Every structure is written in C-alpha cells, then in structure tokens.
Amino acid sequence: TRGADLKVRGVLDGLEQTIREDPR
C-alpha cells in the first residue's frame, strides 16, 4: 500500500546522487 512512496523515496535519493556526481 506504500509501494509508490517507497519507490519514490529510493528514486529521489538515486536521482539526487546521480546528478550531484555529474552536475550540468
């Protein structure tokens, strides 16, 4: 029932880290 929220949490963390490592 929290699947989308758990997924968004992980994706946001991954997105932040990815673009901080290669900022444009």
PDBML (XML) file of the C-alpha atoms, coordinates in Angstrom:
<?xml version="1.0" encoding="UTF-8" ?>
<PDBx:datablock datablockName="MODEL"
   xmlns:PDBx="http://pdbml.pdb.org/schema/pdbx-v50.xsd"
   xmlns:xsi="http://www.w3.org/2001/XMLSchema-instance"
   xsi:schemaLocation="http://pdbml.pdb.org/schema/pdbx-v50.xsd pdbx-v50.xsd">
   <PDBx:atom_siteCategory>
      <PDBx:atom_site id="1">
         <PDBx:B_iso_or_equiv>0.00</PDBx:B_iso_or_equiv>
         <PDBx:Cartn_x>0.000</PDBx:Cartn_x>
         <PDBx:Cartn_y>0.000</PDBx:Cartn_y>
         <PDBx:Cartn_z>0.000</PDBx:Cartn_z>
         <PDBx:auth_asym_id>A</PDBx:auth_asym_id>
         <PDBx:auth_atom_id>CA</PDBx:auth_atom_id>
         <PDBx:auth_comp_id>THR</PDBx:auth_comp_id>
         <PDBx:auth_seq_id>1</PDBx:auth_seq_id>
         <PDBx:group_PDB>ATOM</PDBx:group_PDB>
         <PDBx:label_alt_id xsi:nil="true" />
         <PDBx:label_asym_id>A</PDBx:label_asym_id>
         <PDBx:label_atom_id>CA</PDBx:label_atom_id>
         <PDBx:label_comp_id>THR</PDBx:label_comp_id>
         <PDBx:label_entity_id>1</PDBx:label_entity_id>
         <PDBx:label_seq_id>1</PDBx:label_seq_id>
         <PDBx:occupancy>1.00</PDBx:occupancy>
         <PDBx:pdbx_PDB_model_num>1</PDBx:pdbx_PDB_model_num>
         <PDBx:type_symbol>C</PDBx:type_symbol>
      </PDBx:atom_site>
      <PDBx:atom_site id="2">
         <PDBx:B_iso_or_equiv>0.00</PDBx:B_iso_or_equiv>
         <PDBx:Cartn_x>3.043</PDBx:Cartn_x>
         <PDBx:Cartn_y>2.245</PDBx:Cartn_y>
         <PDBx:Cartn_z>0.395</PDBx:Cartn_z>
         <PDBx:auth_asym_id>A</PDBx:auth_asym_id>
         <PDBx:auth_atom_id>CA</PDBx:auth_atom_id>
         <PDBx:auth_comp_id>ARG</PDBx:auth_comp_id>
         <PDBx:auth_seq_id>2</PDBx:auth_seq_id>
         <PDBx:group_PDB>ATOM</PDBx:group_PDB>
         <PDBx:label_alt_id xsi:nil="true" />
         <PDBx:label_asym_id>A</PDBx:label_asym_id>
         <PDBx:label_atom_id>CA</PDBx:label_atom_id>
         <PDBx:label_comp_id>ARG</PDBx:label_comp_id>
         <PDBx:label_entity_id>1</PDBx:label_entity_id>
         <PDBx:label_seq_id>2</PDBx:label_seq_id>
         <PDBx:occupancy>1.00</PDBx:occupancy>
         <PDBx:pdbx_PDB_model_num>1</PDBx:pdbx_PDB_model_num>
         <PDBx:type_symbol>C</PDBx:type_symbol>
      </PDBx:atom_site>
      <PDBx:atom_site id="3">
         <PDBx:B_iso_or_equiv>0.00</PDBx:B_iso_or_equiv>
         <PDBx:Cartn_x>4.735</PDBx:Cartn_x>
         <PDBx:Cartn_y>0.857</PDBx:Cartn_y>
         <PDBx:Cartn_z>-2.705</PDBx:Cartn_z>
         <PDBx:auth_asym_id>A</PDBx:auth_asym_id>
         <PDBx:auth_atom_id>CA</PDBx:auth_atom_id>
         <PDBx:auth_comp_id>GLY</PDBx:auth_comp_id>
         <PDBx:auth_seq_id>3</PDBx:auth_seq_id>
         <PDBx:group_PDB>ATOM</PDBx:group_PDB>
         <PDBx:label_alt_id xsi:nil="true" />
         <PDBx:label_asym_id>A</PDBx:label_asym_id>
         <PDBx:label_atom_id>CA</PDBx:label_atom_id>
         <PDBx:label_comp_id>GLY</PDBx:label_comp_id>
         <PDBx:label_entity_id>1</PDBx:label_entity_id>
         <PDBx:label_seq_id>3</PDBx:label_seq_id>
         <PDBx:occupancy>1.00</PDBx:occupancy>
         <PDBx:pdbx_PDB_model_num>1</PDBx:pdbx_PDB_model_num>
         <PDBx:type_symbol>C</PDBx:type_symbol>
      </PDBx:atom_site>
      <PDBx:atom_site id="4">
         <PDBx:B_iso_or_equiv>0.00</PDBx:B_iso_or_equiv>
         <PDBx:Cartn_x>4.713</PDBx:Cartn_x>
         <PDBx:Cartn_y>4.059</PDBx:Cartn_y>
         <PDBx:Cartn_z>-4.744</PDBx:Cartn_z>
         <PDBx:auth_asym_id>A</PDBx:auth_asym_id>
         <PDBx:auth_atom_id>CA</PDBx:auth_atom_id>
         <PDBx:auth_comp_id>ALA</PDBx:auth_comp_id>
         <PDBx:auth_seq_id>4</PDBx:auth_seq_id>
         <PDBx:group_PDB>ATOM</PDBx:group_PDB>
         <PDBx:label_alt_id xsi:nil="true" />
         <PDBx:label_asym_id>A</PDBx:label_asym_id>
         <PDBx:label_atom_id>CA</PDBx:label_atom_id>
         <PDBx:label_comp_id>ALA</PDBx:label_comp_id>
         <PDBx:label_entity_id>1</PDBx:label_entity_id>
         <PDBx:label_seq_id>4</PDBx:label_seq_id>
         <PDBx:occupancy>1.00</PDBx:occupancy>
         <PDBx:pdbx_PDB_model_num>1</PDBx:pdbx_PDB_model_num>
         <PDBx:type_symbol>C</PDBx:type_symbol>
      </PDBx:atom_site>
      <PDBx:atom_site id="5">
         <PDBx:B_iso_or_equiv>0.00</PDBx:B_iso_or_equiv>
         <PDBx:Cartn_x>6.009</PDBx:Cartn_x>
         <PDBx:Cartn_y>6.103</PDBx:Cartn_y>
         <PDBx:Cartn_z>-1.813</PDBx:Cartn_z>
         <PDBx:auth_asym_id>A</PDBx:auth_asym_id>
         <PDBx:auth_atom_id>CA</PDBx:auth_atom_id>
         <PDBx:auth_comp_id>ASP</PDBx:auth_comp_id>
         <PDBx:auth_seq_id>5</PDBx:auth_seq_id>
         <PDBx:group_PDB>ATOM</PDBx:group_PDB>
         <PDBx:label_alt_id xsi:nil="true" />
         <PDBx:label_asym_id>A</PDBx:label_asym_id>
         <PDBx:label_atom_id>CA</PDBx:label_atom_id>
         <PDBx:label_comp_id>ASP</PDBx:label_comp_id>
         <PDBx:label_entity_id>1</PDBx:label_entity_id>
         <PDBx:label_seq_id>5</PDBx:label_seq_id>
         <PDBx:occupancy>1.00</PDBx:occupancy>
         <PDBx:pdbx_PDB_model_num>1</PDBx:pdbx_PDB_model_num>
         <PDBx:type_symbol>C</PDBx:type_symbol>
      </PDBx:atom_site>
      <PDBx:atom_site id="6">
         <PDBx:B_iso_or_equiv>0.00</PDBx:B_iso_or_equiv>
         <PDBx:Cartn_x>8.817</PDBx:Cartn_x>
         <PDBx:Cartn_y>3.659</PDBx:Cartn_y>
         <PDBx:Cartn_z>-1.010</PDBx:Cartn_z>
         <PDBx:auth_asym_id>A</PDBx:auth_asym_id>
         <PDBx:auth_atom_id>CA</PDBx:auth_atom_id>
         <PDBx:auth_comp_id>LEU</PDBx:auth_comp_id>
         <PDBx:auth_seq_id>6</PDBx:auth_seq_id>
         <PDBx:group_PDB>ATOM</PDBx:group_PDB>
         <PDBx:label_alt_id xsi:nil="true" />
         <PDBx:label_asym_id>A</PDBx:label_asym_id>
         <PDBx:label_atom_id>CA</PDBx:label_atom_id>
         <PDBx:label_comp_id>LEU</PDBx:label_comp_id>
         <PDBx:label_entity_id>1</PDBx:label_entity_id>
         <PDBx:label_seq_id>6</PDBx:label_seq_id>
         <PDBx:occupancy>1.00</PDBx:occupancy>
         <PDBx:pdbx_PDB_model_num>1</PDBx:pdbx_PDB_model_num>
         <PDBx:type_symbol>C</PDBx:type_symbol>
      </PDBx:atom_site>
      <PDBx:atom_site id="7">
         <PDBx:B_iso_or_equiv>0.00</PDBx:B_iso_or_equiv>
         <PDBx:Cartn_x>9.747</PDBx:Cartn_x>
         <PDBx:Cartn_y>3.628</PDBx:Cartn_y>
         <PDBx:Cartn_z>-4.679</PDBx:Cartn_z>
         <PDBx:auth_asym_id>A</PDBx:auth_asym_id>
         <PDBx:auth_atom_id>CA</PDBx:auth_atom_id>
         <PDBx:auth_comp_id>LYS</PDBx:auth_comp_id>
         <PDBx:auth_seq_id>7</PDBx:auth_seq_id>
         <PDBx:group_PDB>ATOM</PDBx:group_PDB>
         <PDBx:label_alt_id xsi:nil="true" />
         <PDBx:label_asym_id>A</PDBx:label_asym_id>
         <PDBx:label_atom_id>CA</PDBx:label_atom_id>
         <PDBx:label_comp_id>LYS</PDBx:label_comp_id>
         <PDBx:label_entity_id>1</PDBx:label_entity_id>
         <PDBx:label_seq_id>7</PDBx:label_seq_id>
         <PDBx:occupancy>1.00</PDBx:occupancy>
         <PDBx:pdbx_PDB_model_num>1</PDBx:pdbx_PDB_model_num>
         <PDBx:type_symbol>C</PDBx:type_symbol>
      </PDBx:atom_site>
      <PDBx:atom_site id="8">
         <PDBx:B_iso_or_equiv>0.00</PDBx:B_iso_or_equiv>
         <PDBx:Cartn_x>9.689</PDBx:Cartn_x>
         <PDBx:Cartn_y>7.422</PDBx:Cartn_y>
         <PDBx:Cartn_z>-4.990</PDBx:Cartn_z>
         <PDBx:auth_asym_id>A</PDBx:auth_asym_id>
         <PDBx:auth_atom_id>CA</PDBx:auth_atom_id>
         <PDBx:auth_comp_id>VAL</PDBx:auth_comp_id>
         <PDBx:auth_seq_id>8</PDBx:auth_seq_id>
         <PDBx:group_PDB>ATOM</PDBx:group_PDB>
         <PDBx:label_alt_id xsi:nil="true" />
         <PDBx:label_asym_id>A</PDBx:label_asym_id>
         <PDBx:label_atom_id>CA</PDBx:label_atom_id>
         <PDBx:label_comp_id>VAL</PDBx:label_comp_id>
         <PDBx:label_entity_id>1</PDBx:label_entity_id>
         <PDBx:label_seq_id>8</PDBx:label_seq_id>
         <PDBx:occupancy>1.00</PDBx:occupancy>
         <PDBx:pdbx_PDB_model_num>1</PDBx:pdbx_PDB_model_num>
         <PDBx:type_symbol>C</PDBx:type_symbol>
      </PDBx:atom_site>
      <PDBx:atom_site id="9">
         <PDBx:B_iso_or_equiv>0.00</PDBx:B_iso_or_equiv>
         <PDBx:Cartn_x>11.888</PDBx:Cartn_x>
         <PDBx:Cartn_y>7.729</PDBx:Cartn_y>
         <PDBx:Cartn_z>-1.920</PDBx:Cartn_z>
         <PDBx:auth_asym_id>A</PDBx:auth_asym_id>
         <PDBx:auth_atom_id>CA</PDBx:auth_atom_id>
         <PDBx:auth_comp_id>ARG</PDBx:auth_comp_id>
         <PDBx:auth_seq_id>9</PDBx:auth_seq_id>
         <PDBx:group_PDB>ATOM</PDBx:group_PDB>
         <PDBx:label_alt_id xsi:nil="true" />
         <PDBx:label_asym_id>A</PDBx:label_asym_id>
         <PDBx:label_atom_id>CA</PDBx:label_atom_id>
         <PDBx:label_comp_id>ARG</PDBx:label_comp_id>
         <PDBx:label_entity_id>1</PDBx:label_entity_id>
         <PDBx:label_seq_id>9</PDBx:label_seq_id>
         <PDBx:occupancy>1.00</PDBx:occupancy>
         <PDBx:pdbx_PDB_model_num>1</PDBx:pdbx_PDB_model_num>
         <PDBx:type_symbol>C</PDBx:type_symbol>
      </PDBx:atom_site>
      <PDBx:atom_site id="10">
         <PDBx:B_iso_or_equiv>0.00</PDBx:B_iso_or_equiv>
         <PDBx:Cartn_x>14.543</PDBx:Cartn_x>
         <PDBx:Cartn_y>5.455</PDBx:Cartn_y>
         <PDBx:Cartn_z>-3.436</PDBx:Cartn_z>
         <PDBx:auth_asym_id>A</PDBx:auth_asym_id>
         <PDBx:auth_atom_id>CA</PDBx:auth_atom_id>
         <PDBx:auth_comp_id>GLY</PDBx:auth_comp_id>
         <PDBx:auth_seq_id>10</PDBx:auth_seq_id>
         <PDBx:group_PDB>ATOM</PDBx:group_PDB>
         <PDBx:label_alt_id xsi:nil="true" />
         <PDBx:label_asym_id>A</PDBx:label_asym_id>
         <PDBx:label_atom_id>CA</PDBx:label_atom_id>
         <PDBx:label_comp_id>GLY</PDBx:label_comp_id>
         <PDBx:label_entity_id>1</PDBx:label_entity_id>
         <PDBx:label_seq_id>10</PDBx:label_seq_id>
         <PDBx:occupancy>1.00</PDBx:occupancy>
         <PDBx:pdbx_PDB_model_num>1</PDBx:pdbx_PDB_model_num>
         <PDBx:type_symbol>C</PDBx:type_symbol>
      </PDBx:atom_site>
      <PDBx:atom_site id="11">
         <PDBx:B_iso_or_equiv>0.00</PDBx:B_iso_or_equiv>
         <PDBx:Cartn_x>14.324</PDBx:Cartn_x>
         <PDBx:Cartn_y>7.054</PDBx:Cartn_y>
         <PDBx:Cartn_z>-6.866</PDBx:Cartn_z>
         <PDBx:auth_asym_id>A</PDBx:auth_asym_id>
         <PDBx:auth_atom_id>CA</PDBx:auth_atom_id>
         <PDBx:auth_comp_id>VAL</PDBx:auth_comp_id>
         <PDBx:auth_seq_id>11</PDBx:auth_seq_id>
         <PDBx:group_PDB>ATOM</PDBx:group_PDB>
         <PDBx:label_alt_id xsi:nil="true" />
         <PDBx:label_asym_id>A</PDBx:label_asym_id>
         <PDBx:label_atom_id>CA</PDBx:label_atom_id>
         <PDBx:label_comp_id>VAL</PDBx:label_comp_id>
         <PDBx:label_entity_id>1</PDBx:label_entity_id>
         <PDBx:label_seq_id>11</PDBx:label_seq_id>
         <PDBx:occupancy>1.00</PDBx:occupancy>
         <PDBx:pdbx_PDB_model_num>1</PDBx:pdbx_PDB_model_num>
         <PDBx:type_symbol>C</PDBx:type_symbol>
      </PDBx:atom_site>
      <PDBx:atom_site id="12">
         <PDBx:B_iso_or_equiv>0.00</PDBx:B_iso_or_equiv>
         <PDBx:Cartn_x>14.659</PDBx:Cartn_x>
         <PDBx:Cartn_y>10.584</PDBx:Cartn_y>
         <PDBx:Cartn_z>-5.488</PDBx:Cartn_z>
         <PDBx:auth_asym_id>A</PDBx:auth_asym_id>
         <PDBx:auth_atom_id>CA</PDBx:auth_atom_id>
         <PDBx:auth_comp_id>LEU</PDBx:auth_comp_id>
         <PDBx:auth_seq_id>12</PDBx:auth_seq_id>
         <PDBx:group_PDB>ATOM</PDBx:group_PDB>
         <PDBx:label_alt_id xsi:nil="true" />
         <PDBx:label_asym_id>A</PDBx:label_asym_id>
         <PDBx:label_atom_id>CA</PDBx:label_atom_id>
         <PDBx:label_comp_id>LEU</PDBx:label_comp_id>
         <PDBx:label_entity_id>1</PDBx:label_entity_id>
         <PDBx:label_seq_id>12</PDBx:label_seq_id>
         <PDBx:occupancy>1.00</PDBx:occupancy>
         <PDBx:pdbx_PDB_model_num>1</PDBx:pdbx_PDB_model_num>
         <PDBx:type_symbol>C</PDBx:type_symbol>
      </PDBx:atom_site>
      <PDBx:atom_site id="13">
         <PDBx:B_iso_or_equiv>0.00</PDBx:B_iso_or_equiv>
         <PDBx:Cartn_x>17.731</PDBx:Cartn_x>
         <PDBx:Cartn_y>9.576</PDBx:Cartn_y>
         <PDBx:Cartn_z>-3.486</PDBx:Cartn_z>
         <PDBx:auth_asym_id>A</PDBx:auth_asym_id>
         <PDBx:auth_atom_id>CA</PDBx:auth_atom_id>
         <PDBx:auth_comp_id>ASP</PDBx:auth_comp_id>
         <PDBx:auth_seq_id>13</PDBx:auth_seq_id>
         <PDBx:group_PDB>ATOM</PDBx:group_PDB>
         <PDBx:label_alt_id xsi:nil="true" />
         <PDBx:label_asym_id>A</PDBx:label_asym_id>
         <PDBx:label_atom_id>CA</PDBx:label_atom_id>
         <PDBx:label_comp_id>ASP</PDBx:label_comp_id>
         <PDBx:label_entity_id>1</PDBx:label_entity_id>
         <PDBx:label_seq_id>13</PDBx:label_seq_id>
         <PDBx:occupancy>1.00</PDBx:occupancy>
         <PDBx:pdbx_PDB_model_num>1</PDBx:pdbx_PDB_model_num>
         <PDBx:type_symbol>C</PDBx:type_symbol>
      </PDBx:atom_site>
      <PDBx:atom_site id="14">
         <PDBx:B_iso_or_equiv>0.00</PDBx:B_iso_or_equiv>
         <PDBx:Cartn_x>19.237</PDBx:Cartn_x>
         <PDBx:Cartn_y>7.966</PDBx:Cartn_y>
         <PDBx:Cartn_z>-6.574</PDBx:Cartn_z>
         <PDBx:auth_asym_id>A</PDBx:auth_asym_id>
         <PDBx:auth_atom_id>CA</PDBx:auth_atom_id>
         <PDBx:auth_comp_id>GLY</PDBx:auth_comp_id>
         <PDBx:auth_seq_id>14</PDBx:auth_seq_id>
         <PDBx:group_PDB>ATOM</PDBx:group_PDB>
         <PDBx:label_alt_id xsi:nil="true" />
         <PDBx:label_asym_id>A</PDBx:label_asym_id>
         <PDBx:label_atom_id>CA</PDBx:label_atom_id>
         <PDBx:label_comp_id>GLY</PDBx:label_comp_id>
         <PDBx:label_entity_id>1</PDBx:label_entity_id>
         <PDBx:label_seq_id>14</PDBx:label_seq_id>
         <PDBx:occupancy>1.00</PDBx:occupancy>
         <PDBx:pdbx_PDB_model_num>1</PDBx:pdbx_PDB_model_num>
         <PDBx:type_symbol>C</PDBx:type_symbol>
      </PDBx:atom_site>
      <PDBx:atom_site id="15">
         <PDBx:B_iso_or_equiv>0.00</PDBx:B_iso_or_equiv>
         <PDBx:Cartn_x>18.383</PDBx:Cartn_x>
         <PDBx:Cartn_y>10.951</PDBx:Cartn_y>
         <PDBx:Cartn_z>-8.783</PDBx:Cartn_z>
         <PDBx:auth_asym_id>A</PDBx:auth_asym_id>
         <PDBx:auth_atom_id>CA</PDBx:auth_atom_id>
         <PDBx:auth_comp_id>LEU</PDBx:auth_comp_id>
         <PDBx:auth_seq_id>15</PDBx:auth_seq_id>
         <PDBx:group_PDB>ATOM</PDBx:group_PDB>
         <PDBx:label_alt_id xsi:nil="true" />
         <PDBx:label_asym_id>A</PDBx:label_asym_id>
         <PDBx:label_atom_id>CA</PDBx:label_atom_id>
         <PDBx:label_comp_id>LEU</PDBx:label_comp_id>
         <PDBx:label_entity_id>1</PDBx:label_entity_id>
         <PDBx:label_seq_id>15</PDBx:label_seq_id>
         <PDBx:occupancy>1.00</PDBx:occupancy>
         <PDBx:pdbx_PDB_model_num>1</PDBx:pdbx_PDB_model_num>
         <PDBx:type_symbol>C</PDBx:type_symbol>
      </PDBx:atom_site>
      <PDBx:atom_site id="16">
         <PDBx:B_iso_or_equiv>0.00</PDBx:B_iso_or_equiv>
         <PDBx:Cartn_x>19.950</PDBx:Cartn_x>
         <PDBx:Cartn_y>13.405</PDBx:Cartn_y>
         <PDBx:Cartn_z>-6.365</PDBx:Cartn_z>
         <PDBx:auth_asym_id>A</PDBx:auth_asym_id>
         <PDBx:auth_atom_id>CA</PDBx:auth_atom_id>
         <PDBx:auth_comp_id>GLU</PDBx:auth_comp_id>
         <PDBx:auth_seq_id>16</PDBx:auth_seq_id>
         <PDBx:group_PDB>ATOM</PDBx:group_PDB>
         <PDBx:label_alt_id xsi:nil="true" />
         <PDBx:label_asym_id>A</PDBx:label_asym_id>
         <PDBx:label_atom_id>CA</PDBx:label_atom_id>
         <PDBx:label_comp_id>GLU</PDBx:label_comp_id>
         <PDBx:label_entity_id>1</PDBx:label_entity_id>
         <PDBx:label_seq_id>16</PDBx:label_seq_id>
         <PDBx:occupancy>1.00</PDBx:occupancy>
         <PDBx:pdbx_PDB_model_num>1</PDBx:pdbx_PDB_model_num>
         <PDBx:type_symbol>C</PDBx:type_symbol>
      </PDBx:atom_site>
      <PDBx:atom_site id="17">
         <PDBx:B_iso_or_equiv>0.00</PDBx:B_iso_or_equiv>
         <PDBx:Cartn_x>23.146</PDBx:Cartn_x>
         <PDBx:Cartn_y>11.402</PDBx:Cartn_y>
         <PDBx:Cartn_z>-6.064</PDBx:Cartn_z>
         <PDBx:auth_asym_id>A</PDBx:auth_asym_id>
         <PDBx:auth_atom_id>CA</PDBx:auth_atom_id>
         <PDBx:auth_comp_id>GLN</PDBx:auth_comp_id>
         <PDBx:auth_seq_id>17</PDBx:auth_seq_id>
         <PDBx:group_PDB>ATOM</PDBx:group_PDB>
         <PDBx:label_alt_id xsi:nil="true" />
         <PDBx:label_asym_id>A</PDBx:label_asym_id>
         <PDBx:label_atom_id>CA</PDBx:label_atom_id>
         <PDBx:label_comp_id>GLN</PDBx:label_comp_id>
         <PDBx:label_entity_id>1</PDBx:label_entity_id>
         <PDBx:label_seq_id>17</PDBx:label_seq_id>
         <PDBx:occupancy>1.00</PDBx:occupancy>
         <PDBx:pdbx_PDB_model_num>1</PDBx:pdbx_PDB_model_num>
         <PDBx:type_symbol>C</PDBx:type_symbol>
      </PDBx:atom_site>
      <PDBx:atom_site id="18">
         <PDBx:B_iso_or_equiv>0.00</PDBx:B_iso_or_equiv>
         <PDBx:Cartn_x>23.408</PDBx:Cartn_x>
         <PDBx:Cartn_y>10.827</PDBx:Cartn_y>
         <PDBx:Cartn_z>-9.817</PDBx:Cartn_z>
         <PDBx:auth_asym_id>A</PDBx:auth_asym_id>
         <PDBx:auth_atom_id>CA</PDBx:auth_atom_id>
         <PDBx:auth_comp_id>THR</PDBx:auth_comp_id>
         <PDBx:auth_seq_id>18</PDBx:auth_seq_id>
         <PDBx:group_PDB>ATOM</PDBx:group_PDB>
         <PDBx:label_alt_id xsi:nil="true" />
         <PDBx:label_asym_id>A</PDBx:label_asym_id>
         <PDBx:label_atom_id>CA</PDBx:label_atom_id>
         <PDBx:label_comp_id>THR</PDBx:label_comp_id>
         <PDBx:label_entity_id>1</PDBx:label_entity_id>
         <PDBx:label_seq_id>18</PDBx:label_seq_id>
         <PDBx:occupancy>1.00</PDBx:occupancy>
         <PDBx:pdbx_PDB_model_num>1</PDBx:pdbx_PDB_model_num>
         <PDBx:type_symbol>C</PDBx:type_symbol>
      </PDBx:atom_site>
      <PDBx:atom_site id="19">
         <PDBx:B_iso_or_equiv>0.00</PDBx:B_iso_or_equiv>
         <PDBx:Cartn_x>23.184</PDBx:Cartn_x>
         <PDBx:Cartn_y>14.478</PDBx:Cartn_y>
         <PDBx:Cartn_z>-10.809</PDBx:Cartn_z>
         <PDBx:auth_asym_id>A</PDBx:auth_asym_id>
         <PDBx:auth_atom_id>CA</PDBx:auth_atom_id>
         <PDBx:auth_comp_id>ILE</PDBx:auth_comp_id>
         <PDBx:auth_seq_id>19</PDBx:auth_seq_id>
         <PDBx:group_PDB>ATOM</PDBx:group_PDB>
         <PDBx:label_alt_id xsi:nil="true" />
         <PDBx:label_asym_id>A</PDBx:label_asym_id>
         <PDBx:label_atom_id>CA</PDBx:label_atom_id>
         <PDBx:label_comp_id>ILE</PDBx:label_comp_id>
         <PDBx:label_entity_id>1</PDBx:label_entity_id>
         <PDBx:label_seq_id>19</PDBx:label_seq_id>
         <PDBx:occupancy>1.00</PDBx:occupancy>
         <PDBx:pdbx_PDB_model_num>1</PDBx:pdbx_PDB_model_num>
         <PDBx:type_symbol>C</PDBx:type_symbol>
      </PDBx:atom_site>
      <PDBx:atom_site id="20">
         <PDBx:B_iso_or_equiv>0.00</PDBx:B_iso_or_equiv>
         <PDBx:Cartn_x>25.403</PDBx:Cartn_x>
         <PDBx:Cartn_y>15.654</PDBx:Cartn_y>
         <PDBx:Cartn_z>-7.950</PDBx:Cartn_z>
         <PDBx:auth_asym_id>A</PDBx:auth_asym_id>
         <PDBx:auth_atom_id>CA</PDBx:auth_atom_id>
         <PDBx:auth_comp_id>ARG</PDBx:auth_comp_id>
         <PDBx:auth_seq_id>20</PDBx:auth_seq_id>
         <PDBx:group_PDB>ATOM</PDBx:group_PDB>
         <PDBx:label_alt_id xsi:nil="true" />
         <PDBx:label_asym_id>A</PDBx:label_asym_id>
         <PDBx:label_atom_id>CA</PDBx:label_atom_id>
         <PDBx:label_comp_id>ARG</PDBx:label_comp_id>
         <PDBx:label_entity_id>1</PDBx:label_entity_id>
         <PDBx:label_seq_id>20</PDBx:label_seq_id>
         <PDBx:occupancy>1.00</PDBx:occupancy>
         <PDBx:pdbx_PDB_model_num>1</PDBx:pdbx_PDB_model_num>
         <PDBx:type_symbol>C</PDBx:type_symbol>
      </PDBx:atom_site>
      <PDBx:atom_site id="21">
         <PDBx:B_iso_or_equiv>0.00</PDBx:B_iso_or_equiv>
         <PDBx:Cartn_x>28.112</PDBx:Cartn_x>
         <PDBx:Cartn_y>13.316</PDBx:Cartn_y>
         <PDBx:Cartn_z>-9.225</PDBx:Cartn_z>
         <PDBx:auth_asym_id>A</PDBx:auth_asym_id>
         <PDBx:auth_atom_id>CA</PDBx:auth_atom_id>
         <PDBx:auth_comp_id>GLU</PDBx:auth_comp_id>
         <PDBx:auth_seq_id>21</PDBx:auth_seq_id>
         <PDBx:group_PDB>ATOM</PDBx:group_PDB>
         <PDBx:label_alt_id xsi:nil="true" />
         <PDBx:label_asym_id>A</PDBx:label_asym_id>
         <PDBx:label_atom_id>CA</PDBx:label_atom_id>
         <PDBx:label_comp_id>GLU</PDBx:label_comp_id>
         <PDBx:label_entity_id>1</PDBx:label_entity_id>
         <PDBx:label_seq_id>21</PDBx:label_seq_id>
         <PDBx:occupancy>1.00</PDBx:occupancy>
         <PDBx:pdbx_PDB_model_num>1</PDBx:pdbx_PDB_model_num>
         <PDBx:type_symbol>C</PDBx:type_symbol>
      </PDBx:atom_site>
      <PDBx:atom_site id="22">
         <PDBx:B_iso_or_equiv>0.00</PDBx:B_iso_or_equiv>
         <PDBx:Cartn_x>27.754</PDBx:Cartn_x>
         <PDBx:Cartn_y>14.721</PDBx:Cartn_y>
         <PDBx:Cartn_z>-12.740</PDBx:Cartn_z>
         <PDBx:auth_asym_id>A</PDBx:auth_asym_id>
         <PDBx:auth_atom_id>CA</PDBx:auth_atom_id>
         <PDBx:auth_comp_id>ASP</PDBx:auth_comp_id>
         <PDBx:auth_seq_id>22</PDBx:auth_seq_id>
         <PDBx:group_PDB>ATOM</PDBx:group_PDB>
         <PDBx:label_alt_id xsi:nil="true" />
         <PDBx:label_asym_id>A</PDBx:label_asym_id>
         <PDBx:label_atom_id>CA</PDBx:label_atom_id>
         <PDBx:label_comp_id>ASP</PDBx:label_comp_id>
         <PDBx:label_entity_id>1</PDBx:label_entity_id>
         <PDBx:label_seq_id>22</PDBx:label_seq_id>
         <PDBx:occupancy>1.00</PDBx:occupancy>
         <PDBx:pdbx_PDB_model_num>1</PDBx:pdbx_PDB_model_num>
         <PDBx:type_symbol>C</PDBx:type_symbol>
      </PDBx:atom_site>
      <PDBx:atom_site id="23">
         <PDBx:B_iso_or_equiv>0.00</PDBx:B_iso_or_equiv>
         <PDBx:Cartn_x>26.293</PDBx:Cartn_x>
         <PDBx:Cartn_y>18.240</PDBx:Cartn_y>
         <PDBx:Cartn_z>-12.449</PDBx:Cartn_z>
         <PDBx:auth_asym_id>A</PDBx:auth_asym_id>
         <PDBx:auth_atom_id>CA</PDBx:auth_atom_id>
         <PDBx:auth_comp_id>PRO</PDBx:auth_comp_id>
         <PDBx:auth_seq_id>23</PDBx:auth_seq_id>
         <PDBx:group_PDB>ATOM</PDBx:group_PDB>
         <PDBx:label_alt_id xsi:nil="true" />
         <PDBx:label_asym_id>A</PDBx:label_asym_id>
         <PDBx:label_atom_id>CA</PDBx:label_atom_id>
         <PDBx:label_comp_id>PRO</PDBx:label_comp_id>
         <PDBx:label_entity_id>1</PDBx:label_entity_id>
         <PDBx:label_seq_id>23</PDBx:label_seq_id>
         <PDBx:occupancy>1.00</PDBx:occupancy>
         <PDBx:pdbx_PDB_model_num>1</PDBx:pdbx_PDB_model_num>
         <PDBx:type_symbol>C</PDBx:type_symbol>
      </PDBx:atom_site>
      <PDBx:atom_site id="24">
         <PDBx:B_iso_or_equiv>0.00</PDBx:B_iso_or_equiv>
         <PDBx:Cartn_x>25.222</PDBx:Cartn_x>
         <PDBx:Cartn_y>20.067</PDBx:Cartn_y>
         <PDBx:Cartn_z>-15.617</PDBx:Cartn_z>
         <PDBx:auth_asym_id>A</PDBx:auth_asym_id>
         <PDBx:auth_atom_id>CA</PDBx:auth_atom_id>
         <PDBx:auth_comp_id>ARG</PDBx:auth_comp_id>
         <PDBx:auth_seq_id>24</PDBx:auth_seq_id>
         <PDBx:group_PDB>ATOM</PDBx:group_PDB>
         <PDBx:label_alt_id xsi:nil="true" />
         <PDBx:label_asym_id>A</PDBx:label_asym_id>
         <PDBx:label_atom_id>CA</PDBx:label_atom_id>
         <PDBx:label_comp_id>ARG</PDBx:label_comp_id>
         <PDBx:label_entity_id>1</PDBx:label_entity_id>
         <PDBx:label_seq_id>24</PDBx:label_seq_id>
         <PDBx:occupancy>1.00</PDBx:occupancy>
         <PDBx:pdbx_PDB_model_num>1</PDBx:pdbx_PDB_model_num>
         <PDBx:type_symbol>C</PDBx:type_symbol>
      </PDBx:atom_site>
   </PDBx:atom_siteCategory>
</PDBx:datablock>
